Amino acid sequence: MAILRDTLDTARGLGCLLVMLARSGFGRSSAYWAWRTSTAFGDAPPRSPGDRARALLMYARWISRTRRLGR
């Protein structure tokens, strides 16, 4: 069940990120997206694309789980 929950949380989290990106007009240079990026990756973002992708997916899961707890 944990794998299924992680998969669903990842999909929901990526959907939430996509909606936020669309609402901001796909402009990632604002102060909001700078804050979002620092929240997802910290002060030293991962250098390799694979590490960045893993960090993004973990962040998407966190978003989904946080939103679920808020309901």
C-alpha atoms as a PDB file:
ATOM      1  CA  MET A   1       0.000   0.000   0.000  1.00  0.00           C
ATOM      2  CA  ALA A   2       2.888   2.401   0.679  1.00  0.00           C
ATOM      3  CA  ILE A   3       4.010   2.315  -2.958  1.00  0.00           C
ATOM      4  CA  LEU A   4       0.485   3.090  -4.153  1.00  0.00           C
ATOM      5  CA  ARG A   5       0.127   5.949  -1.653  1.00  0.00           C
ATOM      6  CA  ASP A   6       3.517   7.402  -2.674  1.00  0.00           C
ATOM      7  CA  THR A   7       2.522   7.199  -6.344  1.00  0.00           C
ATOM      8  CA  LEU A   8      -0.814   8.929  -5.736  1.00  0.00           C
ATOM      9  CA  ASP A   9       0.795  11.571  -3.519  1.00  0.00           C
ATOM     10  CA  THR A  10       3.420  12.241  -6.182  1.00  0.00           C
ATOM     11  CA  ALA A  11       0.773  12.598  -8.909  1.00  0.00           C
ATOM     12  CA  ARG A  12      -1.384  14.900  -6.766  1.00  0.00           C
ATOM     13  CA  GLY A  13       1.614  16.992  -5.732  1.00  0.00           C
ATOM     14  CA  LEU A  14       2.816  17.386  -9.323  1.00  0.00           C
ATOM     15  CA  GLY A  15      -0.724  18.382 -10.290  1.00  0.00           C
ATOM     16  CA  CYS A  16      -0.742  21.030  -7.547  1.00  0.00           C
ATOM     17  CA  LEU A  17       2.610  22.369  -8.730  1.00  0.00           C
ATOM     18  CA  LEU A  18       1.361  22.479 -12.317  1.00  0.00           C
ATOM     19  CA  VAL A  19      -1.760  24.400 -11.276  1.00  0.00           C
ATOM     20  CA  MET A  20       0.357  26.890  -9.308  1.00  0.00           C
ATOM     21  CA  LEU A  21       2.682  27.294 -12.279  1.00  0.00           C
ATOM     22  CA  ALA A  22      -0.272  27.875 -14.641  1.00  0.00           C
ATOM     23  CA  ARG A  23      -1.847  30.415 -12.285  1.00  0.00           C
ATOM     24  CA  SER A  24       1.391  32.356 -12.172  1.00  0.00           C
ATOM     25  CA  GLY A  25       1.419  32.567 -15.974  1.00  0.00           C
ATOM     26  CA  PHE A  26       4.337  30.127 -16.264  1.00  0.00           C
ATOM     27  CA  GLY A  27       6.656  32.929 -15.150  1.00  0.00           C
ATOM     28  CA  ARG A  28       9.171  31.401 -12.761  1.00  0.00           C
ATOM     29  CA  SER A  29      11.246  34.524 -12.183  1.00  0.00           C
ATOM     30  CA  SER A  30       9.045  36.017  -9.451  1.00  0.00           C
ATOM     31  CA  ALA A  31       9.863  36.218  -5.757  1.00  0.00           C
ATOM     32  CA  TYR A  32       7.202  33.544  -5.098  1.00  0.00           C
ATOM     33  CA  TRP A  33       8.948  30.980  -7.302  1.00  0.00           C
ATOM     34  CA  ALA A  34      12.335  31.873  -5.818  1.00  0.00           C
ATOM     35  CA  TRP A  35      10.843  31.090  -2.407  1.00  0.00           C
ATOM     36  CA  ARG A  36       9.223  27.885  -3.718  1.00  0.00           C
ATOM     37  CA  THR A  37      12.510  26.734  -5.222  1.00  0.00           C
ATOM     38  CA  SER A  38      14.388  27.394  -2.002  1.00  0.00           C
ATOM     39  CA  THR A  39      11.681  25.498  -0.082  1.00  0.00           C
ATOM     40  CA  ALA A  40      11.970  22.501  -2.402  1.00  0.00           C
ATOM     41  CA  PHE A  41      15.742  22.389  -2.818  1.00  0.00           C
ATOM     42  CA  GLY A  42      17.197  24.401   0.056  1.00  0.00           C
ATOM     43  CA  ASP A  43      20.063  26.826  -0.285  1.00  0.00           C
ATOM     44  CA  ALA A  44      22.205  24.437  -2.330  1.00  0.00           C
ATOM     45  CA  PRO A  45      20.094  22.894  -5.102  1.00  0.00           C
ATOM     46  CA  PRO A  46      21.172  19.468  -6.346  1.00  0.00           C
ATOM     47  CA  ARG A  47      23.563  19.670  -9.288  1.00  0.00           C
ATOM     48  CA  SER A  48      22.712  16.518 -11.201  1.00  0.00           C
ATOM     49  CA  PRO A  49      19.396  16.290 -13.089  1.00  0.00           C
ATOM     50  CA  GLY A  50      18.596  12.973 -11.392  1.00  0.00           C
ATOM     51  CA  ASP A  51      19.061  14.423  -7.917  1.00  0.00           C
ATOM     52  CA  ARG A  52      16.952  17.449  -8.865  1.00  0.00           C
ATOM     53  CA  ALA A  53      14.188  15.180 -10.184  1.00  0.00           C
ATOM     54  CA  ARG A  54      14.212  13.104  -6.986  1.00  0.00           C
ATOM     55  CA  ALA A  55      14.075  16.250  -4.847  1.00  0.00           C
ATOM     56  CA  LEU A  56      11.185  17.601  -6.925  1.00  0.00           C
ATOM     57  CA  LEU A  57       9.238  14.348  -6.588  1.00  0.00           C
ATOM     58  CA  MET A  58       9.827  14.277  -2.817  1.00  0.00           C
ATOM     59  CA  TYR A  59       8.640  17.896  -2.642  1.00  0.00           C
ATOM     60  CA  ALA A  60       5.529  17.026  -4.670  1.00  0.00           C
ATOM     61  CA  ARG A  61       4.741  14.199  -2.222  1.00  0.00           C
ATOM     62  CA  TRP A  62       5.196  16.599   0.687  1.00  0.00           C
ATOM     63  CA  ILE A  63       2.803  19.107  -0.897  1.00  0.00           C
ATOM     64  CA  SER A  64       0.147  16.431  -1.394  1.00  0.00           C
ATOM     65  CA  ARG A  65       0.475  15.088   2.137  1.00  0.00           C
ATOM     66  CA  THR A  66       0.397  18.568   3.637  1.00  0.00           C
ATOM     67  CA  ARG A  67      -2.736  19.463   1.695  1.00  0.00           C
ATOM     68  CA  ARG A  68      -4.386  16.187   2.747  1.00  0.00           C
ATOM     69  CA  LEU A  69      -3.643  16.931   6.427  1.00  0.00           C
ATOM     70  CA  GLY A  70      -5.233  20.360   6.039  1.00  0.00           C
ATOM     71  CA  ARG A  71      -8.598  18.937   5.058  1.00  0.00           C
END
